[in-house]
Amino acid sequence: MSEVIYFEDMAVGNGIEFGPLTIGREEIIAFAREFDPQPFHLSDEGAAATHFGTLSSSGWHTTALSMKMMLAAWETRPGPRPAALGAIGVDELRWLNPVHAGDTLRGTSKVIEKKASRSRPEMGIVKSQVIMWNQHDEKVLSMVPIVMFRTRPA
């Protein structure tokens, strides 16, 4: 087996589980202050008058955490690493339930489609279905990242 997982090695249905990760109150607030400073992401008081009820993580924070957890899972598992070359986009991003301080998140990423690049033979394009759940098995996020992977050298 090679030291990296090339585009040709990716198969529909293959994937990885990631997490768990417990999200803290201070990290929710710190992210919100920097990137999404809406009242319901900054304090319980700001969230009290909304459908969130209590402090809620920004969906962008939840999305960033999914990336952090996926990369950590690849780094800590034995075996080769994917030869990812970056993403070209994300389809179908949905924040399905709020994430609150103290929630423990976990997720899966599974390949749902792959195709060779017509214009760049050194890479292929892989779509994966990413789903994250909280500790109550409620889905909190789903998305379909579109990622470029290096093809096997000739």
C-alpha atoms as a PDB file:
ATOM      1  CA  MET A   1       0.000   0.000   0.000  1.00  0.00           C
ATOM      2  CA  SER A   2       1.255   3.495  -0.792  1.00  0.00           C
ATOM      3  CA  GLU A   3       1.968   6.136   1.836  1.00  0.00           C
ATOM      4  CA  VAL A   4      -0.860   8.279   0.479  1.00  0.00           C
ATOM      5  CA  ILE A   5      -4.382   7.608  -0.697  1.00  0.00           C
ATOM      6  CA  TYR A   6      -4.569   8.750  -4.321  1.00  0.00           C
ATOM      7  CA  PHE A   7      -7.702   9.556  -6.302  1.00  0.00           C
ATOM      8  CA  GLU A   8      -7.623   6.054  -7.808  1.00  0.00           C
ATOM      9  CA  ASP A   9      -7.690   4.534  -4.303  1.00  0.00           C
ATOM     10  CA  MET A  10     -10.872   6.371  -3.326  1.00  0.00           C
ATOM     11  CA  ALA A  11     -14.016   4.263  -3.642  1.00  0.00           C
ATOM     12  CA  VAL A  12     -17.656   5.248  -3.325  1.00  0.00           C
ATOM     13  CA  GLY A  13     -18.801   4.204   0.136  1.00  0.00           C
ATOM     14  CA  ASN A  14     -15.374   4.509   1.765  1.00  0.00           C
ATOM     15  CA  GLY A  15     -15.043   7.001   4.550  1.00  0.00           C
ATOM     16  CA  ILE A  16     -13.917   7.903   8.020  1.00  0.00           C
ATOM     17  CA  GLU A  17     -15.497   8.536  11.399  1.00  0.00           C
ATOM     18  CA  PHE A  18     -14.320  11.539  13.383  1.00  0.00           C
ATOM     19  CA  GLY A  19     -14.685  12.979  16.863  1.00  0.00           C
ATOM     20  CA  PRO A  20     -15.774  13.065  19.558  1.00  0.00           C
ATOM     21  CA  LEU A  21     -15.132  16.679  20.457  1.00  0.00           C
ATOM     22  CA  THR A  22     -16.866  18.613  23.225  1.00  0.00           C
ATOM     23  CA  ILE A  23     -17.406  22.282  22.449  1.00  0.00           C
ATOM     24  CA  GLY A  24     -16.870  24.819  25.210  1.00  0.00           C
ATOM     25  CA  ARG A  25     -18.678  28.037  26.015  1.00  0.00           C
ATOM     26  CA  GLU A  26     -15.562  30.189  25.715  1.00  0.00           C
ATOM     27  CA  GLU A  27     -14.635  28.827  22.290  1.00  0.00           C
ATOM     28  CA  ILE A  28     -18.189  29.498  21.022  1.00  0.00           C
ATOM     29  CA  ILE A  29     -17.949  33.094  22.201  1.00  0.00           C
ATOM     30  CA  ALA A  30     -14.372  33.579  20.927  1.00  0.00           C
ATOM     31  CA  PHE A  31     -15.299  32.346  17.441  1.00  0.00           C
ATOM     32  CA  ALA A  32     -18.423  34.507  17.406  1.00  0.00           C
ATOM     33  CA  ARG A  33     -16.557  37.643  18.491  1.00  0.00           C
ATOM     34  CA  GLU A  34     -14.089  37.160  15.658  1.00  0.00           C
ATOM     35  CA  PHE A  35     -16.273  35.862  12.818  1.00  0.00           C
ATOM     36  CA  ASP A  36     -20.038  35.916  13.539  1.00  0.00           C
ATOM     37  CA  PRO A  37     -20.847  38.450  16.286  1.00  0.00           C
ATOM     38  CA  GLN A  38     -24.576  37.947  16.519  1.00  0.00           C
ATOM     39  CA  PRO A  39     -26.200  38.195  19.978  1.00  0.00           C
ATOM     40  CA  PHE A  40     -27.268  34.532  20.130  1.00  0.00           C
ATOM     41  CA  HIS A  41     -23.646  33.466  19.561  1.00  0.00           C
ATOM     42  CA  LEU A  42     -22.265  35.840  22.201  1.00  0.00           C
ATOM     43  CA  SER A  43     -24.380  35.261  25.334  1.00  0.00           C
ATOM     44  CA  ASP A  44     -27.306  33.419  26.886  1.00  0.00           C
ATOM     45  CA  GLU A  45     -29.045  36.770  27.273  1.00  0.00           C
ATOM     46  CA  GLY A  46     -28.699  37.472  23.576  1.00  0.00           C
ATOM     47  CA  ALA A  47     -30.046  34.023  22.740  1.00  0.00           C
ATOM     48  CA  ALA A  48     -32.916  34.049  25.265  1.00  0.00           C
ATOM     49  CA  ALA A  49     -35.285  35.973  23.001  1.00  0.00           C
ATOM     50  CA  THR A  50     -34.597  33.710  20.003  1.00  0.00           C
ATOM     51  CA  HIS A  51     -35.514  30.160  19.051  1.00  0.00           C
ATOM     52  CA  PHE A  52     -32.068  29.100  20.322  1.00  0.00           C
ATOM     53  CA  GLY A  53     -32.952  29.891  23.941  1.00  0.00           C
ATOM     54  CA  THR A  54     -29.347  29.648  25.120  1.00  0.00           C
ATOM     55  CA  LEU A  55     -25.916  30.409  23.715  1.00  0.00           C
ATOM     56  CA  SER A  56     -25.527  28.692  20.344  1.00  0.00           C
ATOM     57  CA  SER A  57     -22.449  28.076  18.223  1.00  0.00           C
ATOM     58  CA  SER A  58     -22.247  29.775  14.853  1.00  0.00           C
ATOM     59  CA  GLY A  59     -22.930  27.360  12.021  1.00  0.00           C
ATOM     60  CA  TRP A  60     -19.628  28.495  10.543  1.00  0.00           C
ATOM     61  CA  HIS A  61     -17.926  27.438  13.773  1.00  0.00           C
ATOM     62  CA  THR A  62     -19.599  24.023  13.588  1.00  0.00           C
ATOM     63  CA  THR A  63     -18.451  23.700   9.977  1.00  0.00           C
ATOM     64  CA  ALA A  64     -14.877  24.654  10.905  1.00  0.00           C
ATOM     65  CA  LEU A  65     -14.953  22.092  13.727  1.00  0.00           C
ATOM     66  CA  SER A  66     -15.958  19.395  11.228  1.00  0.00           C
ATOM     67  CA  MET A  67     -12.785  20.123   9.253  1.00  0.00           C
ATOM     68  CA  LYS A  68     -10.666  20.136  12.403  1.00  0.00           C
ATOM     69  CA  MET A  69     -12.090  16.781  13.494  1.00  0.00           C
ATOM     70  CA  MET A  70     -11.747  15.161  10.055  1.00  0.00           C
ATOM     71  CA  LEU A  71      -8.097  16.167   9.775  1.00  0.00           C
ATOM     72  CA  ALA A  72      -7.404  14.982  13.330  1.00  0.00           C
ATOM     73  CA  ALA A  73      -8.994  11.615  12.508  1.00  0.00           C
ATOM     74  CA  TRP A  74      -6.786  11.184   9.430  1.00  0.00           C
ATOM     75  CA  GLU A  75      -3.683  12.204  11.379  1.00  0.00           C
ATOM     76  CA  THR A  76      -4.277   9.798  14.261  1.00  0.00           C
ATOM     77  CA  ARG A  77      -5.359   6.698  12.347  1.00  0.00           C
ATOM     78  CA  PRO A  78      -2.769   4.203  11.159  1.00  0.00           C
ATOM     79  CA  GLY A  79      -2.109   3.950   7.462  1.00  0.00           C
ATOM     80  CA  PRO A  80      -1.823   6.281   4.503  1.00  0.00           C
ATOM     81  CA  ARG A  81      -3.127   9.835   4.335  1.00  0.00           C
ATOM     82  CA  PRO A  82      -5.311  11.252   1.551  1.00  0.00           C
ATOM     83  CA  ALA A  83      -3.531  13.176  -1.200  1.00  0.00           C
ATOM     84  CA  ALA A  84      -5.986  16.070  -0.976  1.00  0.00           C
ATOM     85  CA  LEU A  85      -5.167  19.190  -2.977  1.00  0.00           C
ATOM     86  CA  GLY A  86      -7.868  21.487  -1.579  1.00  0.00           C
ATOM     87  CA  ALA A  87     -11.588  21.913  -1.972  1.00  0.00           C
ATOM     88  CA  ILE A  88     -13.365  23.627  -4.841  1.00  0.00           C
ATOM     89  CA  GLY A  89     -16.581  24.115  -2.912  1.00  0.00           C
ATOM     90  CA  VAL A  90     -19.253  22.730  -0.641  1.00  0.00           C
ATOM     91  CA  ASP A  91     -22.760  21.776  -1.731  1.00  0.00           C
ATOM     92  CA  GLU A  92     -25.845  21.278   0.391  1.00  0.00           C
ATOM     93  CA  LEU A  93     -24.457  22.807   3.607  1.00  0.00           C
ATOM     94  CA  ARG A  94     -27.156  22.557   6.285  1.00  0.00           C
ATOM     95  CA  TRP A  95     -27.105  23.394   9.982  1.00  0.00           C
ATOM     96  CA  LEU A  96     -29.825  21.060  11.189  1.00  0.00           C
ATOM     97  CA  ASN A  97     -29.876  21.685  14.948  1.00  0.00           C
ATOM     98  CA  PRO A  98     -28.147  24.239  17.148  1.00  0.00           C
ATOM     99  CA  VAL A  99     -24.882  23.361  18.851  1.00  0.00           C
ATOM    100  CA  HIS A 100     -24.652  24.506  22.470  1.00  0.00           C
ATOM    101  CA  ALA A 101     -21.815  24.725  24.982  1.00  0.00           C
ATOM    102  CA  GLY A 102     -21.107  21.278  26.390  1.00  0.00           C
ATOM    103  CA  ASP A 103     -22.333  19.422  23.308  1.00  0.00           C
ATOM    104  CA  THR A 104     -20.147  16.536  22.181  1.00  0.00           C
ATOM    105  CA  LEU A 105     -19.907  16.242  18.409  1.00  0.00           C
ATOM    106  CA  ARG A 106     -18.942  13.331  16.184  1.00  0.00           C
ATOM    107  CA  GLY A 107     -19.291  12.696  12.493  1.00  0.00           C
ATOM    108  CA  THR A 108     -18.723  10.678   9.374  1.00  0.00           C
ATOM    109  CA  SER A 109     -17.453  11.466   5.904  1.00  0.00           C
ATOM    110  CA  LYS A 110     -18.246   9.014   3.082  1.00  0.00           C
ATOM    111  CA  VAL A 111     -17.339   9.194  -0.593  1.00  0.00           C
ATOM    112  CA  ILE A 112     -20.498   9.508  -2.699  1.00  0.00           C
ATOM    113  CA  GLU A 113     -19.043  10.365  -6.121  1.00  0.00           C
ATOM    114  CA  LYS A 114     -15.714  10.647  -7.907  1.00  0.00           C
ATOM    115  CA  LYS A 115     -14.665  11.712 -11.373  1.00  0.00           C
ATOM    116  CA  ALA A 116     -11.434  12.381 -13.192  1.00  0.00           C
ATOM    117  CA  SER A 117     -10.709  15.998 -14.030  1.00  0.00           C
ATOM    118  CA  ARG A 118     -11.043  16.651 -17.754  1.00  0.00           C
ATOM    119  CA  SER A 119      -8.721  19.637 -17.696  1.00  0.00           C
ATOM    120  CA  ARG A 120      -6.192  18.509 -15.055  1.00  0.00           C
ATOM    121  CA  PRO A 121      -5.146  14.854 -15.480  1.00  0.00           C
ATOM    122  CA  GLU A 122      -2.983  15.050 -12.356  1.00  0.00           C
ATOM    123  CA  MET A 123      -6.096  15.297 -10.191  1.00  0.00           C
ATOM    124  CA  GLY A 124      -9.562  13.914  -9.670  1.00  0.00           C
ATOM    125  CA  ILE A 125     -12.623  15.325  -7.946  1.00  0.00           C
ATOM    126  CA  VAL A 126     -14.296  13.578  -5.012  1.00  0.00           C
ATOM    127  CA  LYS A 127     -17.623  14.432  -3.388  1.00  0.00           C
ATOM    128  CA  SER A 128     -18.251  13.191   0.146  1.00  0.00           C
ATOM    129  CA  GLN A 129     -21.321  13.262   2.376  1.00  0.00           C
ATOM    130  CA  VAL A 130     -20.370  14.700   5.757  1.00  0.00           C
ATOM    131  CA  ILE A 131     -22.781  14.367   8.675  1.00  0.00           C
ATOM    132  CA  MET A 132     -22.261  15.456  12.274  1.00  0.00           C
ATOM    133  CA  TRP A 133     -24.289  14.515  15.336  1.00  0.00           C
ATOM    134  CA  ASN A 134     -24.428  15.686  18.929  1.00  0.00           C
ATOM    135  CA  GLN A 135     -24.441  13.481  22.023  1.00  0.00           C
ATOM    136  CA  HIS A 136     -28.220  12.979  21.658  1.00  0.00           C
ATOM    137  CA  ASP A 137     -27.758  11.517  18.140  1.00  0.00           C
ATOM    138  CA  GLU A 138     -29.392  14.607  16.648  1.00  0.00           C
ATOM    139  CA  LYS A 139     -27.930  15.662  13.311  1.00  0.00           C
ATOM    140  CA  VAL A 140     -26.371  19.096  13.633  1.00  0.00           C
ATOM    141  CA  LEU A 141     -24.683  19.469  10.233  1.00  0.00           C
ATOM    142  CA  SER A 142     -24.678  17.933   6.783  1.00  0.00           C
ATOM    143  CA  MET A 143     -22.716  18.974   3.709  1.00  0.00           C
ATOM    144  CA  VAL A 144     -21.134  17.688   0.522  1.00  0.00           C
ATOM    145  CA  PRO A 145     -17.549  18.952   0.168  1.00  0.00           C
ATOM    146  CA  ILE A 146     -16.020  18.768  -3.306  1.00  0.00           C
ATOM    147  CA  VAL A 147     -12.306  18.025  -2.955  1.00  0.00           C
ATOM    148  CA  MET A 148      -9.480  17.645  -5.463  1.00  0.00           C
ATOM    149  CA  PHE A 149      -7.178  14.641  -4.988  1.00  0.00           C
ATOM    150  CA  ARG A 150      -3.837  13.921  -6.612  1.00  0.00           C
ATOM    151  CA  THR A 151      -3.818  11.035  -9.079  1.00  0.00           C
ATOM    152  CA  ARG A 152      -1.228   8.300  -8.849  1.00  0.00           C
ATOM    153  CA  PRO A 153       2.053   9.315 -10.515  1.00  0.00           C
ATOM    154  CA  ALA A 154       2.708   7.603 -13.838  1.00  0.00           C
END
